[in-house]
Structures are given as structure tokens and as C-alpha cells.
N, C-alpha and C. Protein backbone atom coordinates (compact mmCIF):
# COMPACT_ATOMS: atom_id res chain seq x y z
N ASP A 1 -16.90 25.11 0.57
CA ASP A 1 -18.28 25.50 0.30
C ASP A 1 -19.22 24.55 1.04
N ASP A 2 -20.15 25.09 1.79
CA ASP A 2 -21.05 24.29 2.62
C ASP A 2 -21.95 23.38 1.78
N TRP A 3 -22.39 23.86 0.62
CA TRP A 3 -23.28 23.07 -0.24
C TRP A 3 -22.57 21.81 -0.72
N VAL A 4 -21.34 21.94 -1.19
CA VAL A 4 -20.57 20.79 -1.66
C VAL A 4 -20.33 19.82 -0.52
N ARG A 5 -19.98 20.33 0.63
CA ARG A 5 -19.76 19.48 1.81
C ARG A 5 -21.03 18.70 2.16
N ALA A 6 -22.19 19.36 2.09
CA ALA A 6 -23.46 18.69 2.39
C ALA A 6 -23.75 17.58 1.38
N ILE A 7 -23.47 17.83 0.10
CA ILE A 7 -23.68 16.81 -0.93
C ILE A 7 -22.78 15.61 -0.68
N VAL A 8 -21.51 15.87 -0.37
CA VAL A 8 -20.57 14.78 -0.11
C VAL A 8 -21.02 13.96 1.10
N GLN A 9 -21.45 14.61 2.15
CA GLN A 9 -21.92 13.89 3.34
C GLN A 9 -23.16 13.06 3.04
N ALA A 10 -24.08 13.60 2.23
CA ALA A 10 -25.28 12.85 1.86
C ALA A 10 -24.90 11.62 1.03
N CYS A 11 -23.98 11.80 0.09
CA CYS A 11 -23.54 10.66 -0.73
C CYS A 11 -22.88 9.60 0.14
N ASP A 12 -22.03 10.03 1.07
CA ASP A 12 -21.38 9.08 1.97
C ASP A 12 -22.41 8.32 2.82
N HIS A 13 -23.49 9.00 3.20
CA HIS A 13 -24.51 8.36 4.03
C HIS A 13 -25.33 7.34 3.22
N PHE A 14 -25.80 7.74 2.04
CA PHE A 14 -26.69 6.87 1.26
C PHE A 14 -25.94 5.86 0.39
N PHE A 15 -24.70 6.16 0.02
CA PHE A 15 -23.92 5.28 -0.85
C PHE A 15 -22.53 5.06 -0.26
N PRO A 16 -22.43 4.42 0.90
CA PRO A 16 -21.11 4.23 1.52
C PRO A 16 -20.22 3.33 0.65
N LEU A 17 -18.94 3.64 0.67
CA LEU A 17 -17.99 2.83 -0.09
C LEU A 17 -17.68 1.54 0.65
N PRO A 18 -17.62 0.43 -0.07
CA PRO A 18 -17.23 -0.83 0.58
C PRO A 18 -15.80 -0.70 1.12
N PRO A 19 -15.49 -1.35 2.23
CA PRO A 19 -14.17 -1.20 2.84
C PRO A 19 -13.02 -1.67 1.95
N HIS A 20 -13.28 -2.59 1.01
CA HIS A 20 -12.21 -3.10 0.16
C HIS A 20 -11.93 -2.19 -1.04
N LEU A 21 -12.78 -1.18 -1.27
CA LEU A 21 -12.62 -0.29 -2.41
C LEU A 21 -11.57 0.78 -2.11
N ARG A 22 -10.69 1.01 -3.05
CA ARG A 22 -9.66 2.03 -2.91
C ARG A 22 -9.85 3.06 -4.01
N LEU A 23 -9.78 4.32 -3.65
CA LEU A 23 -9.90 5.40 -4.62
C LEU A 23 -8.57 6.12 -4.77
N LEU A 24 -8.26 6.48 -6.00
CA LEU A 24 -7.08 7.27 -6.29
C LEU A 24 -7.53 8.47 -7.10
N ALA A 25 -6.90 9.61 -6.90
CA ALA A 25 -7.22 10.80 -7.67
C ALA A 25 -5.95 11.30 -8.34
N VAL A 26 -6.10 11.75 -9.57
CA VAL A 26 -4.98 12.31 -10.32
C VAL A 26 -5.37 13.72 -10.71
N THR A 27 -4.56 14.70 -10.33
CA THR A 27 -4.83 16.09 -10.67
C THR A 27 -3.62 16.68 -11.38
N GLY A 28 -3.83 17.79 -12.02
CA GLY A 28 -2.73 18.46 -12.71
C GLY A 28 -3.20 19.03 -14.03
N THR A 29 -2.26 19.51 -14.82
CA THR A 29 -2.58 20.16 -16.08
C THR A 29 -2.49 19.21 -17.25
N ASN A 30 -1.47 18.39 -17.30
CA ASN A 30 -1.26 17.50 -18.45
C ASN A 30 -0.98 16.07 -17.99
N GLY A 31 -1.45 15.10 -18.76
CA GLY A 31 -1.09 13.71 -18.53
C GLY A 31 -1.97 12.92 -17.60
N LYS A 32 -3.10 13.49 -17.18
CA LYS A 32 -3.97 12.78 -16.23
C LYS A 32 -4.53 11.49 -16.82
N SER A 33 -5.08 11.57 -18.02
CA SER A 33 -5.69 10.39 -18.63
C SER A 33 -4.67 9.29 -18.86
N THR A 34 -3.48 9.67 -19.31
CA THR A 34 -2.41 8.69 -19.53
C THR A 34 -2.00 8.05 -18.21
N THR A 35 -1.84 8.86 -17.17
CA THR A 35 -1.44 8.35 -15.86
C THR A 35 -2.48 7.37 -15.32
N VAL A 36 -3.75 7.72 -15.44
CA VAL A 36 -4.82 6.84 -14.96
C VAL A 36 -4.83 5.54 -15.75
N GLU A 37 -4.70 5.63 -17.07
CA GLU A 37 -4.70 4.43 -17.90
C GLU A 37 -3.54 3.52 -17.55
N LEU A 38 -2.35 4.08 -17.35
CA LEU A 38 -1.19 3.27 -16.96
C LEU A 38 -1.40 2.62 -15.59
N ALA A 39 -1.97 3.37 -14.65
CA ALA A 39 -2.24 2.82 -13.31
C ALA A 39 -3.23 1.67 -13.39
N ILE A 40 -4.26 1.82 -14.21
CA ILE A 40 -5.25 0.75 -14.35
C ILE A 40 -4.60 -0.48 -14.98
N GLN A 41 -3.78 -0.28 -16.00
CA GLN A 41 -3.11 -1.42 -16.64
C GLN A 41 -2.17 -2.13 -15.68
N LEU A 42 -1.44 -1.36 -14.87
CA LEU A 42 -0.56 -1.99 -13.86
C LEU A 42 -1.37 -2.79 -12.85
N GLY A 43 -2.49 -2.22 -12.40
CA GLY A 43 -3.35 -2.93 -11.46
C GLY A 43 -3.90 -4.21 -12.06
N GLU A 44 -4.31 -4.15 -13.32
CA GLU A 44 -4.83 -5.35 -13.97
C GLU A 44 -3.76 -6.42 -14.09
N GLN A 45 -2.51 -6.03 -14.33
CA GLN A 45 -1.41 -6.99 -14.38
C GLN A 45 -1.22 -7.68 -13.03
N ALA A 46 -1.60 -6.97 -11.95
CA ALA A 46 -1.49 -7.53 -10.60
C ALA A 46 -2.77 -8.25 -10.18
N GLY A 47 -3.74 -8.38 -11.10
CA GLY A 47 -4.98 -9.09 -10.79
C GLY A 47 -6.07 -8.24 -10.19
N LEU A 48 -5.93 -6.92 -10.26
CA LEU A 48 -6.93 -6.02 -9.71
C LEU A 48 -7.82 -5.48 -10.82
N LYS A 49 -8.99 -4.98 -10.46
CA LYS A 49 -9.88 -4.34 -11.41
C LYS A 49 -9.82 -2.84 -11.22
N GLY A 50 -10.02 -2.11 -12.32
CA GLY A 50 -9.98 -0.66 -12.24
C GLY A 50 -11.11 -0.01 -13.00
N LEU A 51 -11.45 1.20 -12.60
CA LEU A 51 -12.51 1.98 -13.23
C LEU A 51 -12.03 3.42 -13.28
N SER A 52 -12.25 4.08 -14.39
CA SER A 52 -11.85 5.47 -14.55
C SER A 52 -13.10 6.32 -14.73
N ILE A 53 -13.20 7.40 -13.96
CA ILE A 53 -14.28 8.37 -14.10
C ILE A 53 -13.63 9.73 -14.27
N GLY A 54 -13.87 10.36 -15.41
CA GLY A 54 -13.26 11.67 -15.65
C GLY A 54 -13.81 12.33 -16.89
N THR A 55 -13.03 13.26 -17.44
CA THR A 55 -13.50 14.03 -18.58
C THR A 55 -13.72 13.17 -19.82
N LEU A 56 -13.07 12.02 -19.89
CA LEU A 56 -13.26 11.13 -21.04
C LEU A 56 -14.43 10.18 -20.86
N GLY A 57 -15.09 10.23 -19.71
CA GLY A 57 -16.24 9.38 -19.44
C GLY A 57 -15.93 8.33 -18.39
N VAL A 58 -16.77 7.31 -18.35
CA VAL A 58 -16.59 6.18 -17.43
C VAL A 58 -16.04 5.02 -18.24
N SER A 59 -14.87 4.53 -17.85
CA SER A 59 -14.23 3.43 -18.57
C SER A 59 -13.91 2.30 -17.60
N ALA A 60 -14.16 1.09 -18.06
CA ALA A 60 -13.83 -0.11 -17.29
C ALA A 60 -13.57 -1.23 -18.27
N GLU A 61 -12.61 -2.06 -17.93
CA GLU A 61 -12.27 -3.23 -18.73
C GLU A 61 -12.01 -2.87 -20.19
N GLY A 62 -11.36 -1.72 -20.40
CA GLY A 62 -10.97 -1.30 -21.75
C GLY A 62 -12.08 -0.72 -22.59
N LYS A 63 -13.26 -0.49 -22.01
CA LYS A 63 -14.39 0.04 -22.78
C LYS A 63 -14.93 1.29 -22.11
N THR A 64 -15.33 2.27 -22.91
CA THR A 64 -15.98 3.46 -22.38
C THR A 64 -17.47 3.17 -22.31
N HIS A 65 -18.04 3.32 -21.11
CA HIS A 65 -19.44 2.98 -20.89
C HIS A 65 -20.35 4.20 -20.94
N GLU A 66 -19.80 5.37 -20.66
CA GLU A 66 -20.60 6.60 -20.71
C GLU A 66 -19.65 7.76 -20.92
N GLU A 67 -20.05 8.70 -21.77
CA GLU A 67 -19.23 9.89 -22.03
C GLU A 67 -19.93 11.11 -21.47
N PHE A 68 -19.14 12.06 -20.96
CA PHE A 68 -19.70 13.27 -20.35
C PHE A 68 -19.44 14.52 -21.18
N GLY A 69 -18.61 14.44 -22.20
CA GLY A 69 -18.36 15.61 -23.03
C GLY A 69 -17.46 16.65 -22.38
N LEU A 70 -16.23 16.28 -22.08
CA LEU A 70 -15.20 17.19 -21.55
C LEU A 70 -15.56 17.81 -20.21
N ARG A 71 -16.28 17.10 -19.38
CA ARG A 71 -16.61 17.58 -18.05
C ARG A 71 -16.73 16.40 -17.11
N THR A 72 -16.04 16.48 -16.00
CA THR A 72 -16.14 15.43 -15.00
C THR A 72 -17.49 15.50 -14.32
N PRO A 73 -18.15 14.38 -14.08
CA PRO A 73 -19.47 14.40 -13.45
C PRO A 73 -19.40 14.90 -12.02
N GLY A 74 -20.55 15.37 -11.52
CA GLY A 74 -20.64 15.82 -10.14
C GLY A 74 -20.59 14.64 -9.17
N PRO A 75 -20.56 14.91 -7.86
CA PRO A 75 -20.40 13.84 -6.88
C PRO A 75 -21.57 12.86 -6.81
N ILE A 76 -22.76 13.29 -7.14
CA ILE A 76 -23.92 12.39 -7.06
C ILE A 76 -23.93 11.46 -8.24
């Protein structure tokens, strides 16, 4: 969809990701939240920081900072 592509390009232009930042995506029907939580815990054991953005809200350092109500936020 051209509209979504335009939004993504605008976000990339105005809010570029730092080169040291790594993004991971988890898709599927079941187990996404558990998989993300386990990945974050493994990363923390290795001395890395993690952030989760999804249907359960924005979570970092074991705390939920914002809830979206069963809907993943848009790209902006």
C-alpha cells in the first residue's frame, strides 16, 4: 500500500534509528508475548536492554509504561 510506504519513509526520515539499535519482530498466532518476554530476559542476562511494543502495550525494564488495549500502535 502506497500510503503505508509513505508513512514508513517519513518516519525513517524524521526519526532515523541509531546504528546500534537492533529490531526484532515476532509474528504468528500464539505465543508472541511469551517469546518476546523470553527474548528480552535472555538479552538482559547478556547485559543488553530490551523494549517490547505490541498488543500488551509498551514494556521496558519489567514495567508496562503505556497500554493500547489489544491493538498494536501504528508506525508513527
